[in-house]
PDB file of N, CA and C in Angstrom:
ATOM      1  N   UNK A   1       9.252  -1.457  14.422  1.00  0.00           N
ATOM      2  CA  UNK A   1       8.902   0.048  13.227  1.00  0.00           C
ATOM      3  C   UNK A   1      10.492   0.656  13.469  1.00  0.00           C
ATOM      4  N   UNK A   2      11.084   0.247  14.277  1.00  0.00           N
ATOM      5  CA  UNK A   2      12.501   1.507  14.277  1.00  0.00           C
ATOM      6  C   UNK A   2      13.083   1.024  13.732  1.00  0.00           C
ATOM      7  N   UNK A   3      13.444   0.053  13.044  1.00  0.00           N
ATOM      8  CA  UNK A   3      13.503  -0.464  11.606  1.00  0.00           C
ATOM      9  C   UNK A   3      13.382   0.569  11.139  1.00  0.00           C
ATOM     10  N   UNK A   4      12.309   0.365  10.315  1.00  0.00           N
ATOM     11  CA  UNK A   4      11.561   1.133   9.088  1.00  0.00           C
ATOM     12  C   UNK A   4      11.834   2.978   9.800  1.00  0.00           C
ATOM     13  N   UNK A   5      11.770   3.790  11.008  1.00  0.00           N
ATOM     14  CA  UNK A   5      12.364   4.364  11.259  1.00  0.00           C
ATOM     15  C   UNK A   5      13.120   5.035  10.669  1.00  0.00           C
ATOM     16  N   UNK A   6      14.641   3.825  10.766  1.00  0.00           N
ATOM     17  CA  UNK A   6      15.927   4.752  10.178  1.00  0.00           C
ATOM     18  C   UNK A   6      15.901   4.319   8.986  1.00  0.00           C
ATOM     19  N   UNK A   7      15.472   3.433   8.082  1.00  0.00           N
ATOM     20  CA  UNK A   7      14.901   3.350   6.319  1.00  0.00           C
ATOM     21  C   UNK A   7      14.885   4.274   6.162  1.00  0.00           C
ATOM     22  N   UNK A   8      13.362   4.802   6.702  1.00  0.00           N
ATOM     23  CA  UNK A   8      12.732   6.052   6.429  1.00  0.00           C
ATOM     24  C   UNK A   8      13.990   7.045   6.435  1.00  0.00           C
ATOM     25  N   UNK A   9      14.945   7.162   7.304  1.00  0.00           N
ATOM     26  CA  UNK A   9      15.599   8.536   7.618  1.00  0.00           C
ATOM     27  C   UNK A   9      16.638   8.566   6.605  1.00  0.00           C
ATOM     28  N   UNK A  10      17.371   7.295   6.295  1.00  0.00           N
ATOM     29  CA  UNK A  10      18.267   6.883   5.292  1.00  0.00           C
ATOM     30  C   UNK A  10      17.772   7.562   3.621  1.00  0.00           C
ATOM     31  N   UNK A  11      16.950   7.399   3.286  1.00  0.00           N
ATOM     32  CA  UNK A  11      15.905   6.860   2.504  1.00  0.00           C
ATOM     33  C   UNK A  11      16.739   8.654   1.993  1.00  0.00           C
ATOM     34  N   UNK A  12      15.417   9.993   3.206  1.00  0.00           N
ATOM     35  CA  UNK A  12      15.980  11.254   2.871  1.00  0.00           C
ATOM     36  C   UNK A  12      17.548  11.351   2.976  1.00  0.00           C
ATOM     37  N   UNK A  13      18.148  11.091   3.746  1.00  0.00           N
ATOM     38  CA  UNK A  13      19.934  11.289   3.701  1.00  0.00           C
ATOM     39  C   UNK A  13      20.468  11.228   2.092  1.00  0.00           C
ATOM     40  N   UNK A  14      19.757  10.025   1.377  1.00  0.00           N
ATOM     41  CA  UNK A  14      20.358   9.738   0.210  1.00  0.00           C
ATOM     42  C   UNK A  14      19.620  10.430  -1.024  1.00  0.00           C
ATOM     43  N   UNK A  15      18.370  10.808  -0.546  1.00  0.00           N
ATOM     44  CA  UNK A  15      18.384  11.752  -1.470  1.00  0.00           C
ATOM     45  C   UNK A  15      18.821  13.500  -1.506  1.00  0.00           C
ATOM     46  N   UNK A  16      19.125  13.753  -0.075  1.00  0.00           N
ATOM     47  CA  UNK A  16      19.741  14.854  -0.520  1.00  0.00           C
ATOM     48  C   UNK A  16      21.141  14.614  -0.993  1.00  0.00           C
ATOM     49  N   UNK A  17      21.945  13.403  -0.631  1.00  0.00           N
ATOM     50  CA  UNK A  17      23.045  13.163  -1.214  1.00  0.00           C
ATOM     51  C   UNK A  17      22.900  13.370  -2.482  1.00  0.00           C
ATOM     52  N   UNK A  18      22.389  12.491  -3.641  1.00  0.00           N
ATOM     53  CA  UNK A  18      21.639  12.093  -4.750  1.00  0.00           C
ATOM     54  C   UNK A  18      21.540  13.627  -5.853  1.00  0.00           C
ATOM     55  N   UNK A  19      20.833  14.529  -4.844  1.00  0.00           N
ATOM     56  CA  UNK A  19      20.480  15.518  -5.397  1.00  0.00           C
ATOM     57  C   UNK A  19      21.708  17.161  -5.065  1.00  0.00           C
ATOM     58  N   UNK A  20      22.507  16.864  -3.815  1.00  0.00           N
ATOM     59  CA  UNK A  20      23.407  17.325  -3.446  1.00  0.00           C
ATOM     60  C   UNK A  20      24.782  18.346  -4.622  1.00  0.00           C
ATOM     61  N   UNK A  21      24.936  19.353  -5.618  1.00  0.00           N
ATOM     62  CA  UNK A  21      26.430  18.687  -5.780  1.00  0.00           C
ATOM     63  C   UNK A  21      27.608  18.812  -4.963  1.00  0.00           C
ATOM     64  N   UNK A  22      28.491  18.327  -5.206  1.00  0.00           N
ATOM     65  CA  UNK A  22      29.665  18.256  -4.803  1.00  0.00           C
ATOM     66  C   UNK A  22      29.198  17.025  -3.387  1.00  0.00           C
ATOM     67  N   UNK A  23      28.093  16.478  -3.458  1.00  0.00           N
ATOM     68  CA  UNK A  23      28.294  15.986  -2.350  1.00  0.00           C
ATOM     69  C   UNK A  23      28.546  13.660  -3.170  1.00  0.00           C
ATOM     70  N   UNK A  24      29.724  13.308  -1.968  1.00  0.00           N
ATOM     71  CA  UNK A  24      29.579  11.268  -2.432  1.00  0.00           C
ATOM     72  C   UNK A  24      27.950  11.609  -2.792  1.00  0.00           C
ATOM     73  N   UNK A  25      28.391  10.661  -3.756  1.00  0.00           N
ATOM     74  CA  UNK A  25      26.332  10.030  -4.215  1.00  0.00           C
ATOM     75  C   UNK A  25      25.777  10.966  -5.558  1.00  0.00           C
ATOM     76  N   UNK A  26      26.248  11.894  -5.513  1.00  0.00           N
ATOM     77  CA  UNK A  26      25.547  13.560  -6.339  1.00  0.00           C
ATOM     78  C   UNK A  26      25.105  12.407  -7.577  1.00  0.00           C
ATOM     79  N   UNK A  27      24.013  12.795  -8.200  1.00  0.00           N
ATOM     80  CA  UNK A  27      23.465  12.643  -9.547  1.00  0.00           C
ATOM     81  C   UNK A  27      23.180  13.106 -10.476  1.00  0.00           C
ATOM     82  N   UNK A  28      21.828  14.013  -9.613  1.00  0.00           N
ATOM     83  CA  UNK A  28      21.797  15.304 -10.798  1.00  0.00           C
ATOM     84  C   UNK A  28      20.883  15.815 -10.119  1.00  0.00           C
ATOM     85  N   UNK A  29      21.173  17.146  -9.883  1.00  0.00           N
ATOM     86  CA  UNK A  29      20.428  18.394  -9.150  1.00  0.00           C
ATOM     87  C   UNK A  29      18.312  17.756  -9.531  1.00  0.00           C
ATOM     88  N   UNK A  30      18.506  17.903 -10.880  1.00  0.00           N
ATOM     89  CA  UNK A  30      16.821  17.322 -11.115  1.00  0.00           C
ATOM     90  C   UNK A  30      16.766  16.192 -12.183  1.00  0.00           C
ATOM     91  N   UNK A  31      15.788  15.604 -11.553  1.00  0.00           N
ATOM     92  CA  UNK A  31      15.493  14.414 -12.265  1.00  0.00           C
ATOM     93  C   UNK A  31      15.617  14.431 -13.533  1.00  0.00           C
ATOM     94  N   UNK A  32      15.177  13.216 -14.695  1.00  0.00           N
ATOM     95  CA  UNK A  32      15.423  13.189 -16.079  1.00  0.00           C
ATOM     96  C   UNK A  32      14.062  13.511 -16.043  1.00  0.00           C
ATOM     97  N   UNK A  33      13.588  14.154 -16.754  1.00  0.00           N
ATOM     98  CA  UNK A  33      11.479  14.187 -17.237  1.00  0.00           C
ATOM     99  C   UNK A  33      11.458  13.423 -16.990  1.00  0.00           C
ATOM    100  N   UNK A  34      11.356  11.885 -17.970  1.00  0.00           N
ATOM    101  CA  UNK A  34      10.425  10.542 -17.151  1.00  0.00           C
ATOM    102  C   UNK A  34      10.332  10.753 -16.472  1.00  0.00           C
ATOM    103  N   UNK A  35      11.271  10.780 -14.991  1.00  0.00           N
ATOM    104  CA  UNK A  35      11.142   9.803 -14.010  1.00  0.00           C
ATOM    105  C   UNK A  35      10.547  10.635 -13.135  1.00  0.00           C
ATOM    106  N   UNK A  36      10.611  11.780 -13.249  1.00  0.00           N
ATOM    107  CA  UNK A  36      10.567  13.459 -12.115  1.00  0.00           C
ATOM    108  C   UNK A  36       9.251  13.120 -11.040  1.00  0.00           C
ATOM    109  N   UNK A  37       8.198  12.998 -11.869  1.00  0.00           N
ATOM    110  CA  UNK A  37       7.323  12.674 -11.189  1.00  0.00           C
ATOM    111  C   UNK A  37       7.309  12.024 -10.322  1.00  0.00           C
ATOM    112  N   UNK A  38       7.657   9.971  -9.851  1.00  0.00           N
ATOM    113  CA  UNK A  38       8.436   9.524  -9.566  1.00  0.00           C
ATOM    114  C   UNK A  38       9.041   9.706  -8.987  1.00  0.00           C
ATOM    115  N   UNK A  39       9.988  10.236  -9.403  1.00  0.00           N
ATOM    116  CA  UNK A  39      10.737  10.673  -8.114  1.00  0.00           C
ATOM    117  C   UNK A  39      10.285  12.257  -7.227  1.00  0.00           C
ATOM    118  N   UNK A  40       9.954  12.843  -7.189  1.00  0.00           N
ATOM    119  CA  UNK A  40       9.023  13.614  -6.097  1.00  0.00           C
ATOM    120  C   UNK A  40       8.464  13.057  -5.516  1.00  0.00           C
ATOM    121  N   UNK A  41       7.271  11.755  -6.211  1.00  0.00           N
ATOM    122  CA  UNK A  41       6.669  11.324  -4.821  1.00  0.00           C
ATOM    123  C   UNK A  41       7.571  10.405  -4.205  1.00  0.00           C
ATOM    124  N   UNK A  42       8.746   9.963  -4.162  1.00  0.00           N
ATOM    125  CA  UNK A  42       9.241   9.293  -3.841  1.00  0.00           C
ATOM    126  C   UNK A  42       9.385   9.842  -2.823  1.00  0.00           C
ATOM    127  N   UNK A  43      10.125  11.069  -3.391  1.00  0.00           N
ATOM    128  CA  UNK A  43      10.492  11.813  -1.983  1.00  0.00           C
ATOM    129  C   UNK A  43       9.821  12.659  -0.999  1.00  0.00           C
ATOM    130  N   UNK A  44       8.566  12.309  -1.450  1.00  0.00           N
ATOM    131  CA  UNK A  44       7.216  13.144  -0.761  1.00  0.00           C
ATOM    132  C   UNK A  44       7.087  11.990   0.170  1.00  0.00           C
ATOM    133  N   UNK A  45       7.032  10.529  -0.273  1.00  0.00           N
ATOM    134  CA  UNK A  45       7.130   9.467   0.709  1.00  0.00           C
ATOM    135  C   UNK A  45       7.725   9.572   1.722  1.00  0.00           C
ATOM    136  N   UNK A  46       8.735   9.361   1.314  1.00  0.00           N
ATOM    137  CA  UNK A  46      10.293   9.198   2.150  1.00  0.00           C
ATOM    138  C   UNK A  46      10.465   9.563   3.111  1.00  0.00           C
ATOM    139  N   UNK A  47       9.950  11.713   2.913  1.00  0.00           N
ATOM    140  CA  UNK A  47      10.117  12.691   3.969  1.00  0.00           C
ATOM    141  C   UNK A  47       8.445  12.543   5.227  1.00  0.00           C
ATOM    142  N   UNK A  48       7.216  11.987   4.283  1.00  0.00           N
ATOM    143  CA  UNK A  48       5.949  11.502   5.327  1.00  0.00           C
ATOM    144  C   UNK A  48       6.687  10.652   6.626  1.00  0.00           C
ATOM    145  N   UNK A  49       7.442   9.394   5.834  1.00  0.00           N
ATOM    146  CA  UNK A  49       7.689   8.979   6.772  1.00  0.00           C
ATOM    147  C   UNK A  49       8.471   8.828   7.906  1.00  0.00           C
ATOM    148  N   UNK A  50       9.059   9.783   7.483  1.00  0.00           N
ATOM    149  CA  UNK A  50      10.556  10.325   8.518  1.00  0.00           C
ATOM    150  C   UNK A  50      10.473  11.151   9.458  1.00  0.00           C
ATOM    151  N   UNK A  51       8.733  11.873   9.046  1.00  0.00           N
ATOM    152  CA  UNK A  51       8.047  12.918  10.104  1.00  0.00           C
ATOM    153  C   UNK A  51       7.117  11.858  10.510  1.00  0.00           C
ATOM    154  N   UNK A  52       6.386  11.081  10.157  1.00  0.00           N
ATOM    155  CA  UNK A  52       5.698   9.909  10.883  1.00  0.00           C
ATOM    156  C   UNK A  52       6.040   9.421  11.678  1.00  0.00           C
ATOM    157  N   UNK A  53       7.600   8.531  11.169  1.00  0.00           N
ATOM    158  CA  UNK A  53       8.633   7.595  12.374  1.00  0.00           C
ATOM    159  C   UNK A  53       9.223   8.719  13.856  1.00  0.00           C
ATOM    160  N   UNK A  54       9.207   9.853  12.909  1.00  0.00           N
ATOM    161  CA  UNK A  54       9.800  10.571  13.543  1.00  0.00           C
ATOM    162  C   UNK A  54       9.079  11.197  15.462  1.00  0.00           C
ATOM    163  N   UNK A  55       7.442  11.105  15.052  1.00  0.00           N
ATOM    164  CA  UNK A  55       6.942  11.813  15.837  1.00  0.00           C
ATOM    165  C   UNK A  55       6.038  10.452  16.802  1.00  0.00           C
ATOM    166  N   UNK A  56       6.545   9.517  16.016  1.00  0.00           N
ATOM    167  CA  UNK A  56       6.350   8.240  16.905  1.00  0.00           C
ATOM    168  C   UNK A  56       7.888   8.000  17.774  1.00  0.00           C
ATOM    169  N   UNK A  57       8.366   8.657  17.483  1.00  0.00           N
ATOM    170  CA  UNK A  57       9.603   7.953  18.429  1.00  0.00           C
ATOM    171  C   UNK A  57       9.598   9.209  19.815  1.00  0.00           C
ATOM    172  N   UNK A  58       9.503  10.133  18.985  1.00  0.00           N
ATOM    173  CA  UNK A  58       9.067  11.415  19.992  1.00  0.00           C
ATOM    174  C   UNK A  58       8.454  11.500  21.036  1.00  0.00           C
ATOM    175  N   UNK A  59       7.504  10.586  20.777  1.00  0.00           N
ATOM    176  CA  UNK A  59       6.405  10.159  21.848  1.00  0.00           C
ATOM    177  C   UNK A  59       6.877   9.239  22.189  1.00  0.00           C
ATOM    178  N   UNK A  60       8.014   8.571  22.688  1.00  0.00           N
ATOM    179  CA  UNK A  60       7.881   7.966  23.331  1.00  0.00           C
ATOM    180  C   UNK A  60       7.384   5.914  22.591  1.00  0.00           C
ATOM    181  N   UNK A  61       7.426   5.954  21.841  1.00  0.00           N
ATOM    182  CA  UNK A  61       5.786   5.201  21.665  1.00  0.00           C
ATOM    183  C   UNK A  61       7.289   3.848  21.524  1.00  0.00           C
ATOM    184  N   UNK A  62       8.335   3.953  21.206  1.00  0.00           N
ATOM    185  CA  UNK A  62       9.566   3.029  21.573  1.00  0.00           C
ATOM    186  C   UNK A  62       9.505   2.053  21.949  1.00  0.00           C
ATOM    187  N   UNK A  63       9.184   2.886  23.507  1.00  0.00           N
ATOM    188  CA  UNK A  63       9.270   2.171  24.865  1.00  0.00           C
ATOM    189  C   UNK A  63       7.448   1.725  26.090  1.00  0.00           C
ATOM    190  N   UNK A  64       7.117   2.244  25.354  1.00  0.00           N
ATOM    191  CA  UNK A  64       5.488   2.096  25.349  1.00  0.00           C
ATOM    192  C   UNK A  64       3.883   2.309  24.323  1.00  0.00           C
ATOM    193  N   UNK A  65       3.320   2.320  24.747  1.00  0.00           N
ATOM    194  CA  UNK A  65       1.710   1.308  24.250  1.00  0.00           C
ATOM    195  C   UNK A  65       0.907   2.926  24.199  1.00  0.00           C
ATOM    196  N   UNK A  66       1.113   3.498  25.111  1.00  0.00           N
ATOM    197  CA  UNK A  66       0.267   4.418  25.900  1.00  0.00           C
ATOM    198  C   UNK A  66       0.300   5.629  25.484  1.00  0.00           C
ATOM    199  N   UNK A  67      -0.944   6.596  25.189  1.00  0.00           N
ATOM    200  CA  UNK A  67      -1.454   7.627  24.599  1.00  0.00           C
ATOM    201  C   UNK A  67      -1.231   7.649  23.394  1.00  0.00           C
ATOM    202  N   UNK A  68      -0.848   8.520  22.947  1.00  0.00           N
ATOM    203  CA  UNK A  68      -1.255   8.249  21.812  1.00  0.00           C
ATOM    204  C   UNK A  68      -0.530   7.341  20.772  1.00  0.00           C
ATOM    205  N   UNK A  69       0.485   6.178  20.782  1.00  0.00           N
ATOM    206  CA  UNK A  69       1.277   5.350  20.534  1.00  0.00           C
ATOM    207  C   UNK A  69       0.324   4.110  19.596  1.00  0.00           C
ATOM    208  N   UNK A  70      -0.900   4.292  19.883  1.00  0.00           N
ATOM    209  CA  UNK A  70      -1.455   3.243  18.591  1.00  0.00           C
ATOM    210  C   UNK A  70      -1.655   4.386  17.834  1.00  0.00           C
ATOM    211  N   UNK A  71      -2.287   5.830  17.537  1.00  0.00           N
ATOM    212  CA  UNK A  71      -2.689   6.398  16.697  1.00  0.00           C
ATOM    213  C   UNK A  71      -1.553   6.281  16.098  1.00  0.00           C
ATOM    214  N   UNK A  72      -0.085   6.283  16.195  1.00  0.00           N
ATOM    215  CA  UNK A  72       0.948   7.372  15.989  1.00  0.00           C
ATOM    216  C   UNK A  72       1.651   6.126  15.285  1.00  0.00           C
ATOM    217  N   UNK A  73       1.814   4.547  15.721  1.00  0.00           N
ATOM    218  CA  UNK A  73       1.690   4.478  15.106  1.00  0.00           C
ATOM    219  C   UNK A  73       0.845   3.240  13.525  1.00  0.00           C
ATOM    220  N   UNK A  74      -0.170   3.471  13.164  1.00  0.00           N
ATOM    221  CA  UNK A  74      -0.844   3.544  12.365  1.00  0.00           C
ATOM    222  C   UNK A  74      -0.838   4.394  11.573  1.00  0.00           C
ATOM    223  N   UNK A  75      -0.488   5.639  11.834  1.00  0.00           N
ATOM    224  CA  UNK A  75       0.149   6.708  10.721  1.00  0.00           C
ATOM    225  C   UNK A  75       1.641   5.984  10.067  1.00  0.00           C
ATOM    226  N   UNK A  76       2.528   5.769  11.022  1.00  0.00           N
ATOM    227  CA  UNK A  76       4.012   5.419  10.701  1.00  0.00           C
ATOM    228  C   UNK A  76       3.495   4.177  10.208  1.00  0.00           C
ATOM    229  N   UNK A  77       2.592   3.725  10.172  1.00  0.00           N
ATOM    230  CA  UNK A  77       2.861   1.729   9.486  1.00  0.00           C
ATOM    231  C   UNK A  77       2.736   3.022   8.088  1.00  0.00           C
ATOM    232  N   UNK A  78       0.951   3.379   7.953  1.00  0.00           N
ATOM    233  CA  UNK A  78       0.618   3.561   6.560  1.00  0.00           C
ATOM    234  C   UNK A  78       1.583   4.421   6.014  1.00  0.00           C
ATOM    235  N   UNK A  79       2.062   5.054   6.705  1.00  0.00           N
ATOM    236  CA  UNK A  79       3.444   6.238   6.227  1.00  0.00           C
ATOM    237  C   UNK A  79       4.263   5.339   5.192  1.00  0.00           C
ATOM    238  N   UNK A  80       5.005   4.053   6.355  1.00  0.00           N
ATOM    239  CA  UNK A  80       6.460   3.325   5.467  1.00  0.00           C
ATOM    240  C   UNK A  80       5.258   2.173   4.661  1.00  0.00           C
ATOM    241  N   UNK A  81       4.147   2.034   4.527  1.00  0.00           N
ATOM    242  CA  UNK A  81       3.249   1.011   3.084  1.00  0.00           C
ATOM    243  C   UNK A  81       3.009   2.210   1.704  1.00  0.00           C
ATOM    244  N   UNK A  82       3.348   3.691   1.829  1.00  0.00           N
ATOM    245  CA  UNK A  82       3.285   4.052   1.089  1.00  0.00           C
ATOM    246  C   UNK A  82       4.950   3.896   0.104  1.00  0.00           C
ATOM    247  N   UNK A  83       5.435   4.113   1.117  1.00  0.00           N
ATOM    248  CA  UNK A  83       7.318   4.204   0.460  1.00  0.00           C
ATOM    249  C   UNK A  83       7.432   3.341   0.432  1.00  0.00           C
ATOM    250  N   UNK A  84       7.077   2.731   0.638  1.00  0.00           N
ATOM    251  CA  UNK A  84       7.401   1.287  -0.043  1.00  0.00           C
ATOM    252  C   UNK A  84       6.527   1.075  -1.510  1.00  0.00           C
ATOM    253  N   UNK A  85       5.169   1.409  -1.295  1.00  0.00           N
ATOM    254  CA  UNK A  85       4.320   1.179  -3.641  1.00  0.00           C
ATOM    255  C   UNK A  85       4.853   2.330  -4.267  1.00  0.00           C
ATOM    256  N   UNK A  86       6.013   3.655  -2.697  1.00  0.00           N
ATOM    257  CA  UNK A  86       6.629   3.981  -4.519  1.00  0.00           C
ATOM    258  C   UNK A  86       7.850   3.271  -4.596  1.00  0.00           C
ATOM    259  N   UNK A  87       8.652   2.363  -3.828  1.00  0.00           N
ATOM    260  CA  UNK A  87       9.758   1.685  -4.679  1.00  0.00           C
ATOM    261  C   UNK A  87       9.753   1.014  -5.651  1.00  0.00           C
ATOM    262  N   UNK A  88       8.523  -0.055  -4.743  1.00  0.00           N
ATOM    263  CA  UNK A  88       7.768  -0.913  -5.603  1.00  0.00           C
ATOM    264  C   UNK A  88       7.565  -0.289  -7.475  1.00  0.00           C
ATOM    265  N   UNK A  89       7.079   0.912  -7.890  1.00  0.00           N
ATOM    266  CA  UNK A  89       6.986   1.737  -8.560  1.00  0.00           C
ATOM    267  C   UNK A  89       8.322   2.033  -9.894  1.00  0.00           C
ATOM    268  N   UNK A  90       9.517   2.108  -9.128  1.00  0.00           N
ATOM    269  CA  UNK A  90      10.698   1.528  -9.880  1.00  0.00           C
ATOM    270  C   UNK A  90      11.305   0.718 -10.828  1.00  0.00           C
ATOM    271  N   UNK A  91      10.341  -0.409 -10.295  1.00  0.00           N
ATOM    272  CA  UNK A  91      10.769  -1.643 -10.623  1.00  0.00           C
ATOM    273  C   UNK A  91      11.375  -1.772 -12.555  1.00  0.00           C
ATOM    274  N   UNK A  92      10.287  -1.163 -12.827  1.00  0.00           N
ATOM    275  CA  UNK A  92      10.806  -0.723 -15.039  1.00  0.00           C
ATOM    276  C   UNK A  92      11.675  -0.424 -14.908  1.00  0.00           C
ATOM    277  N   UNK A  93      12.884   0.880 -13.809  1.00  0.00           N
ATOM    278  CA  UNK A  93      13.354   1.463 -14.233  1.00  0.00           C
ATOM    279  C   UNK A  93      15.104   0.991 -13.730  1.00  0.00           C
ATOM    280  N   UNK A  94      14.966  -0.242 -12.543  1.00  0.00           N
ATOM    281  CA  UNK A  94      15.574  -0.914 -11.704  1.00  0.00           C
ATOM    282  C   UNK A  94      16.315  -2.725 -12.957  1.00  0.00           C
TER     283      UNK A  94
END
């Protein structure tokens, strides 16, 4: 879960670099129309995974399974699954 949390944070950072003019890694402020929906869906999935990971971590779930940790883990796991599905959807463009 910790690894997934860091991966979702990294995806969010990479998005910011790719779309931020003047930043190392800049590609474009807006993606080409052909991939704009896929780009937006991947971005949304990354944000949801990042937020779910942050909630899981903030609840102390990396050290305990008490309280809401079970539900937070399930939410985080689903968010990571959704993000992985979005990554898979990029296959035709790679």
